[in-house]
Amino acid sequence: MPRARLVLDTNVWISGLLWTGSPHQILRLAEEGRVVVAVSAAIVQEVADALARTKFAARLAAVRTSVPELVGSLLTLAEVYPPPRIIPVVTIDPADDKILACARAAHARWLVSGDHTCWRCGSIAEFG
């Protein structure tokens, strides 16, 4: 049976890498090979930049890890897709366009986000 292919928004990556809960469970499914998580270089960079923010320093120290270690974990768990062509779609938050572009490039069935902006987008197939 083919594994579900999905793309995670940056907020889901951060929650999954730093805490337990539903986002972490998605990463466990990827680790077990039950789902395929797709990323692009732009998503990896955005996650790395976000993890490096001061507001996450205490959490990184508490879980005894670093940004490079977490990015390494991300790259171990995910399949990296070539930089997709980014089509401006998300007018409320254009930074989310890279997430949709990766979903299209990877032929992902699901886009997982805690950002309610994405819920207004409709089907991934509608873009590009």
N, C-alpha and C. Protein backbone atom coordinates (compact mmCIF):
# COMPACT_ATOMS: atom_id res chain seq x y z
N MET A 1 0.85 -1.18 0.00
CA MET A 1 0.00 0.00 0.00
C MET A 1 0.89 1.24 0.00
N PRO A 2 0.64 2.20 -0.88
CA PRO A 2 1.48 3.40 -0.93
C PRO A 2 1.33 4.23 0.35
N ARG A 3 2.45 4.79 0.77
CA ARG A 3 2.44 5.63 1.96
C ARG A 3 1.92 7.02 1.62
N ALA A 4 1.21 7.61 2.56
CA ALA A 4 0.72 8.98 2.36
C ALA A 4 1.90 9.93 2.28
N ARG A 5 1.86 10.84 1.33
CA ARG A 5 2.89 11.86 1.16
C ARG A 5 2.31 13.18 1.64
N LEU A 6 3.05 13.84 2.55
CA LEU A 6 2.54 15.08 3.09
C LEU A 6 3.65 16.11 3.26
N VAL A 7 3.23 17.36 3.38
CA VAL A 7 4.14 18.48 3.61
C VAL A 7 3.71 19.14 4.91
N LEU A 8 4.69 19.43 5.76
CA LEU A 8 4.42 20.07 7.04
C LEU A 8 4.79 21.55 6.97
N ASP A 9 3.94 22.38 7.51
CA ASP A 9 4.24 23.79 7.63
C ASP A 9 5.31 23.96 8.71
N THR A 10 5.99 25.07 8.70
CA THR A 10 7.08 25.34 9.64
C THR A 10 6.64 25.19 11.08
N ASN A 11 5.46 25.66 11.42
CA ASN A 11 4.99 25.57 12.80
C ASN A 11 4.83 24.12 13.25
N VAL A 12 4.47 23.24 12.34
CA VAL A 12 4.33 21.82 12.67
C VAL A 12 5.70 21.19 12.88
N TRP A 13 6.66 21.54 12.02
CA TRP A 13 8.03 21.04 12.21
C TRP A 13 8.56 21.45 13.58
N ILE A 14 8.40 22.72 13.93
CA ILE A 14 8.94 23.20 15.19
C ILE A 14 8.28 22.50 16.37
N SER A 15 6.97 22.40 16.34
CA SER A 15 6.26 21.72 17.43
C SER A 15 6.68 20.25 17.52
N GLY A 16 6.79 19.61 16.38
CA GLY A 16 7.16 18.20 16.37
C GLY A 16 8.58 17.92 16.81
N LEU A 17 9.48 18.82 16.48
CA LEU A 17 10.89 18.64 16.85
C LEU A 17 11.17 19.00 18.30
N LEU A 18 10.40 19.93 18.86
CA LEU A 18 10.70 20.43 20.21
C LEU A 18 9.76 19.93 21.31
N TRP A 19 8.59 19.44 20.95
CA TRP A 19 7.62 19.02 21.95
C TRP A 19 6.98 17.70 21.57
N THR A 20 6.18 17.16 22.47
CA THR A 20 5.39 15.98 22.16
C THR A 20 4.02 16.47 21.72
N GLY A 21 3.17 15.58 21.31
CA GLY A 21 1.85 15.96 20.83
C GLY A 21 1.65 15.50 19.40
N SER A 22 0.59 15.97 18.78
CA SER A 22 0.24 15.51 17.43
C SER A 22 1.34 15.76 16.40
N PRO A 23 1.96 16.95 16.36
CA PRO A 23 3.05 17.13 15.38
C PRO A 23 4.20 16.14 15.58
N HIS A 24 4.52 15.86 16.84
CA HIS A 24 5.58 14.88 17.11
C HIS A 24 5.18 13.49 16.63
N GLN A 25 3.90 13.17 16.77
CA GLN A 25 3.43 11.87 16.31
C GLN A 25 3.56 11.73 14.79
N ILE A 26 3.36 12.82 14.07
CA ILE A 26 3.56 12.78 12.62
C ILE A 26 5.02 12.45 12.30
N LEU A 27 5.94 13.06 13.03
CA LEU A 27 7.36 12.77 12.81
C LEU A 27 7.68 11.33 13.15
N ARG A 28 7.04 10.79 14.18
CA ARG A 28 7.24 9.37 14.51
C ARG A 28 6.74 8.47 13.38
N LEU A 29 5.61 8.82 12.78
CA LEU A 29 5.11 8.05 11.64
C LEU A 29 6.11 8.07 10.49
N ALA A 30 6.73 9.22 10.26
CA ALA A 30 7.77 9.31 9.21
C ALA A 30 8.97 8.45 9.58
N GLU A 31 9.37 8.50 10.83
CA GLU A 31 10.50 7.71 11.30
C GLU A 31 10.24 6.21 11.13
N GLU A 32 9.00 5.81 11.34
CA GLU A 32 8.61 4.40 11.19
C GLU A 32 8.36 4.02 9.73
N GLY A 33 8.43 5.00 8.81
CA GLY A 33 8.21 4.72 7.40
C GLY A 33 6.75 4.58 7.02
N ARG A 34 5.86 5.05 7.86
CA ARG A 34 4.43 4.92 7.60
C ARG A 34 3.88 6.07 6.76
N VAL A 35 4.58 7.21 6.75
CA VAL A 35 4.23 8.34 5.89
C VAL A 35 5.52 8.89 5.29
N VAL A 36 5.40 9.61 4.21
CA VAL A 36 6.52 10.30 3.59
C VAL A 36 6.30 11.79 3.80
N VAL A 37 7.28 12.45 4.40
CA VAL A 37 7.20 13.89 4.61
C VAL A 37 8.14 14.55 3.59
N ALA A 38 7.59 15.46 2.79
CA ALA A 38 8.37 16.15 1.76
C ALA A 38 8.74 17.55 2.23
N VAL A 39 9.96 17.96 1.87
CA VAL A 39 10.42 19.33 2.14
C VAL A 39 11.17 19.85 0.92
N SER A 40 11.33 21.15 0.89
CA SER A 40 12.20 21.78 -0.10
C SER A 40 13.30 22.50 0.68
N ALA A 41 14.32 22.93 -0.01
CA ALA A 41 15.40 23.67 0.66
C ALA A 41 14.85 24.92 1.35
N ALA A 42 13.86 25.56 0.73
CA ALA A 42 13.28 26.78 1.32
C ALA A 42 12.59 26.48 2.65
N ILE A 43 11.92 25.34 2.74
CA ILE A 43 11.27 24.95 3.99
C ILE A 43 12.32 24.63 5.04
N VAL A 44 13.35 23.89 4.67
CA VAL A 44 14.42 23.56 5.63
C VAL A 44 15.04 24.85 6.18
N GLN A 45 15.31 25.80 5.30
CA GLN A 45 15.90 27.06 5.75
C GLN A 45 14.96 27.82 6.68
N GLU A 46 13.69 27.84 6.34
CA GLU A 46 12.73 28.55 7.19
C GLU A 46 12.64 27.91 8.57
N VAL A 47 12.65 26.58 8.63
CA VAL A 47 12.62 25.89 9.92
C VAL A 47 13.89 26.21 10.72
N ALA A 48 15.05 26.16 10.07
CA ALA A 48 16.31 26.47 10.75
C ALA A 48 16.30 27.90 11.28
N ASP A 49 15.85 28.83 10.47
CA ASP A 49 15.79 30.24 10.90
C ASP A 49 14.85 30.41 12.09
N ALA A 50 13.71 29.74 12.04
CA ALA A 50 12.74 29.85 13.12
C ALA A 50 13.29 29.24 14.41
N LEU A 51 13.93 28.08 14.31
CA LEU A 51 14.49 27.43 15.50
C LEU A 51 15.59 28.28 16.14
N ALA A 52 16.26 29.09 15.35
CA ALA A 52 17.35 29.93 15.86
C ALA A 52 16.85 31.18 16.59
N ARG A 53 15.54 31.41 16.58
CA ARG A 53 14.99 32.58 17.27
C ARG A 53 15.22 32.46 18.78
N THR A 54 15.42 33.60 19.38
CA THR A 54 15.68 33.66 20.82
C THR A 54 14.59 32.97 21.64
N LYS A 55 13.36 33.06 21.19
CA LYS A 55 12.26 32.49 21.98
C LYS A 55 12.34 30.97 22.12
N PHE A 56 13.16 30.30 21.30
CA PHE A 56 13.30 28.86 21.41
C PHE A 56 14.58 28.44 22.14
N ALA A 57 15.41 29.37 22.54
CA ALA A 57 16.70 29.05 23.16
C ALA A 57 16.53 28.22 24.43
N ALA A 58 15.59 28.60 25.28
CA ALA A 58 15.39 27.87 26.53
C ALA A 58 14.90 26.45 26.26
N ARG A 59 14.03 26.30 25.27
CA ARG A 59 13.53 24.96 24.96
C ARG A 59 14.64 24.08 24.37
N LEU A 60 15.47 24.65 23.51
CA LEU A 60 16.60 23.90 22.96
C LEU A 60 17.51 23.42 24.08
N ALA A 61 17.76 24.29 25.05
CA ALA A 61 18.61 23.92 26.18
C ALA A 61 17.93 22.85 27.03
N ALA A 62 16.63 22.97 27.22
CA ALA A 62 15.90 22.01 28.05
C ALA A 62 15.91 20.61 27.46
N VAL A 63 15.86 20.51 26.15
CA VAL A 63 15.86 19.19 25.51
C VAL A 63 17.26 18.79 25.05
N ARG A 64 18.24 19.60 25.44
CA ARG A 64 19.66 19.33 25.17
C ARG A 64 19.94 19.03 23.71
N THR A 65 19.55 19.98 22.88
CA THR A 65 19.81 19.85 21.44
C THR A 65 20.19 21.20 20.88
N SER A 66 20.45 21.22 19.59
CA SER A 66 20.84 22.45 18.92
C SER A 66 20.10 22.55 17.59
N VAL A 67 20.15 23.73 17.01
CA VAL A 67 19.51 23.92 15.71
C VAL A 67 20.11 22.97 14.67
N PRO A 68 21.45 22.87 14.55
CA PRO A 68 21.99 21.94 13.55
C PRO A 68 21.56 20.49 13.77
N GLU A 69 21.46 20.06 15.03
CA GLU A 69 21.01 18.69 15.30
C GLU A 69 19.56 18.49 14.86
N LEU A 70 18.71 19.48 15.14
CA LEU A 70 17.31 19.36 14.76
C LEU A 70 17.13 19.41 13.24
N VAL A 71 17.90 20.24 12.58
CA VAL A 71 17.85 20.28 11.11
C VAL A 71 18.33 18.94 10.55
N GLY A 72 19.34 18.36 11.17
CA GLY A 72 19.79 17.03 10.77
C GLY A 72 18.69 16.00 10.92
N SER A 73 17.95 16.07 12.01
CA SER A 73 16.81 15.16 12.22
C SER A 73 15.75 15.36 11.15
N LEU A 74 15.45 16.60 10.86
CA LEU A 74 14.48 16.93 9.81
C LEU A 74 14.92 16.28 8.49
N LEU A 75 16.18 16.45 8.15
CA LEU A 75 16.67 15.91 6.87
C LEU A 75 16.68 14.39 6.85
N THR A 76 16.81 13.77 8.01
CA THR A 76 16.75 12.32 8.11
C THR A 76 15.32 11.82 7.92
N LEU A 77 14.37 12.58 8.43
CA LEU A 77 12.96 12.17 8.39
C LEU A 77 12.28 12.47 7.06
N ALA A 78 12.76 13.45 6.34
CA ALA A 78 12.04 13.96 5.17
C ALA A 78 12.74 13.60 3.86
N GLU A 79 11.96 13.66 2.80
CA GLU A 79 12.49 13.57 1.45
C GLU A 79 12.59 15.00 0.92
N VAL A 80 13.77 15.37 0.43
CA VAL A 80 13.98 16.72 -0.08
C VAL A 80 13.67 16.75 -1.57
N TYR A 81 12.83 17.69 -1.95
CA TYR A 81 12.46 17.87 -3.34
C TYR A 81 13.16 19.08 -3.91
N PRO A 82 13.47 19.07 -5.20
CA PRO A 82 14.13 20.22 -5.82
C PRO A 82 13.31 21.48 -5.62
N PRO A 83 13.98 22.62 -5.66
CA PRO A 83 13.24 23.87 -5.47
C PRO A 83 12.10 23.97 -6.48
N PRO A 84 10.90 24.01 -5.96
CA PRO A 84 9.76 24.11 -6.86
C PRO A 84 9.55 25.54 -7.33
N ARG A 85 8.84 25.67 -8.43
CA ARG A 85 8.43 26.99 -8.90
C ARG A 85 7.36 27.49 -7.94
N ILE A 86 7.59 28.65 -7.37
CA ILE A 86 6.65 29.20 -6.39
C ILE A 86 5.69 30.15 -7.10
N ILE A 87 4.43 29.81 -7.02
CA ILE A 87 3.38 30.62 -7.61
C ILE A 87 2.71 31.39 -6.48
N PRO A 88 2.66 32.71 -6.57
CA PRO A 88 1.99 33.48 -5.51
C PRO A 88 0.51 33.10 -5.41
N VAL A 89 0.13 32.61 -4.23
CA VAL A 89 -1.24 32.16 -4.02
C VAL A 89 -1.81 32.70 -2.71
N VAL A 90 -1.02 32.63 -1.65
CA VAL A 90 -1.51 32.96 -0.32
C VAL A 90 -1.32 34.45 -0.08
N THR A 91 -2.37 35.21 -0.34
CA THR A 91 -2.26 36.66 -0.23
C THR A 91 -2.15 37.13 1.22
N ILE A 92 -2.71 36.38 2.16
CA ILE A 92 -2.65 36.77 3.57
C ILE A 92 -1.23 36.60 4.11
N ASP A 93 -0.54 35.53 3.70
CA ASP A 93 0.83 35.27 4.15
C ASP A 93 1.62 34.65 3.00
N PRO A 94 2.20 35.48 2.13
CA PRO A 94 2.92 34.96 0.95
C PRO A 94 4.07 34.00 1.29
N ALA A 95 4.57 34.04 2.51
CA ALA A 95 5.62 33.09 2.91
C ALA A 95 5.12 31.65 2.85
N ASP A 96 3.81 31.46 2.95
CA ASP A 96 3.24 30.12 2.87
C ASP A 96 3.24 29.56 1.45
N ASP A 97 3.50 30.39 0.46
CA ASP A 97 3.53 29.90 -0.92
C ASP A 97 4.57 28.80 -1.11
N LYS A 98 5.69 28.88 -0.39
CA LYS A 98 6.72 27.84 -0.53
C LYS A 98 6.22 26.48 -0.04
N ILE A 99 5.32 26.48 0.93
CA ILE A 99 4.76 25.23 1.44
C ILE A 99 3.86 24.60 0.37
N LEU A 100 3.02 25.42 -0.23
CA LEU A 100 2.15 24.92 -1.29
C LEU A 100 2.95 24.47 -2.51
N ALA A 101 4.00 25.21 -2.84
CA ALA A 101 4.84 24.84 -3.99
C ALA A 101 5.50 23.48 -3.76
N CYS A 102 5.97 23.24 -2.55
CA CYS A 102 6.58 21.95 -2.24
C CYS A 102 5.53 20.83 -2.32
N ALA A 103 4.35 21.10 -1.82
CA ALA A 103 3.28 20.10 -1.89
C ALA A 103 2.98 19.72 -3.33
N ARG A 104 2.97 20.71 -4.22
CA ARG A 104 2.76 20.42 -5.63
C ARG A 104 3.93 19.63 -6.22
N ALA A 105 5.14 20.06 -5.93
CA ALA A 105 6.33 19.39 -6.48
C ALA A 105 6.41 17.93 -6.02
N ALA A 106 6.02 17.68 -4.79
CA ALA A 106 6.11 16.33 -4.22
C ALA A 106 4.87 15.49 -4.51
N HIS A 107 3.88 16.10 -5.15
CA HIS A 107 2.60 15.42 -5.37
C HIS A 107 2.02 14.94 -4.04
N ALA A 108 2.11 15.81 -3.03
CA ALA A 108 1.63 15.47 -1.70
C ALA A 108 0.11 15.44 -1.67
N ARG A 109 -0.38 14.54 -0.90
CA ARG A 109 -1.84 14.45 -0.73
C ARG A 109 -2.30 15.38 0.39
N TRP A 110 -1.43 15.60 1.38
CA TRP A 110 -1.82 16.37 2.56
C TRP A 110 -0.82 17.48 2.85
N LEU A 111 -1.34 18.59 3.32
CA LEU A 111 -0.55 19.69 3.84
C LEU A 111 -1.00 19.86 5.29
N VAL A 112 -0.05 19.76 6.22
CA VAL A 112 -0.39 19.82 7.64
C VAL A 112 0.12 21.14 8.21
N SER A 113 -0.80 21.90 8.79
CA SER A 113 -0.44 23.21 9.31
C SER A 113 -1.30 23.56 10.52
N GLY A 114 -0.72 24.28 11.44
CA GLY A 114 -1.48 24.86 12.53
C GLY A 114 -1.91 26.27 12.18
N ASP A 115 -1.55 26.72 10.99
CA ASP A 115 -1.84 28.07 10.52
C ASP A 115 -3.19 28.04 9.81
N HIS A 116 -4.17 28.70 10.37
CA HIS A 116 -5.51 28.66 9.81
C HIS A 116 -5.62 29.36 8.47
N THR A 117 -4.61 30.14 8.08
CA THR A 117 -4.59 30.75 6.76
C THR A 117 -4.67 29.67 5.68
N CYS A 118 -3.93 28.60 5.88
CA CYS A 118 -3.88 27.53 4.88
C CYS A 118 -5.21 26.81 4.73
N TRP A 119 -6.02 26.81 5.75
CA TRP A 119 -7.30 26.11 5.65
C TRP A 119 -8.22 26.78 4.64
N ARG A 120 -7.97 28.01 4.30
CA ARG A 120 -8.80 28.72 3.33
C ARG A 120 -8.33 28.51 1.90
N CYS A 121 -7.27 27.76 1.71
CA CYS A 121 -6.68 27.64 0.39
C CYS A 121 -7.40 26.68 -0.53
N GLY A 122 -8.04 25.66 0.01
CA GLY A 122 -8.69 24.67 -0.85
C GLY A 122 -7.74 23.52 -1.13
N SER A 123 -7.94 22.86 -2.23
CA SER A 123 -7.17 21.69 -2.62
C SER A 123 -5.78 22.08 -3.12
N ILE A 124 -4.79 21.27 -2.78
CA ILE A 124 -3.44 21.48 -3.29
C ILE A 124 -3.44 21.45 -4.81
N ALA A 125 -4.29 20.63 -5.39
CA ALA A 125 -4.35 20.49 -6.84
C ALA A 125 -4.76 21.76 -7.56
N GLU A 126 -5.36 22.69 -6.82
CA GLU A 126 -5.81 23.94 -7.45
C GLU A 126 -4.65 24.88 -7.78
N PHE A 127 -3.48 24.64 -7.25
CA PHE A 127 -2.37 25.58 -7.38
C PHE A 127 -1.34 25.06 -8.37
N GLY A 128 -1.03 25.87 -9.36
CA GLY A 128 0.03 25.53 -10.31
C GLY A 128 -0.48 24.68 -11.39
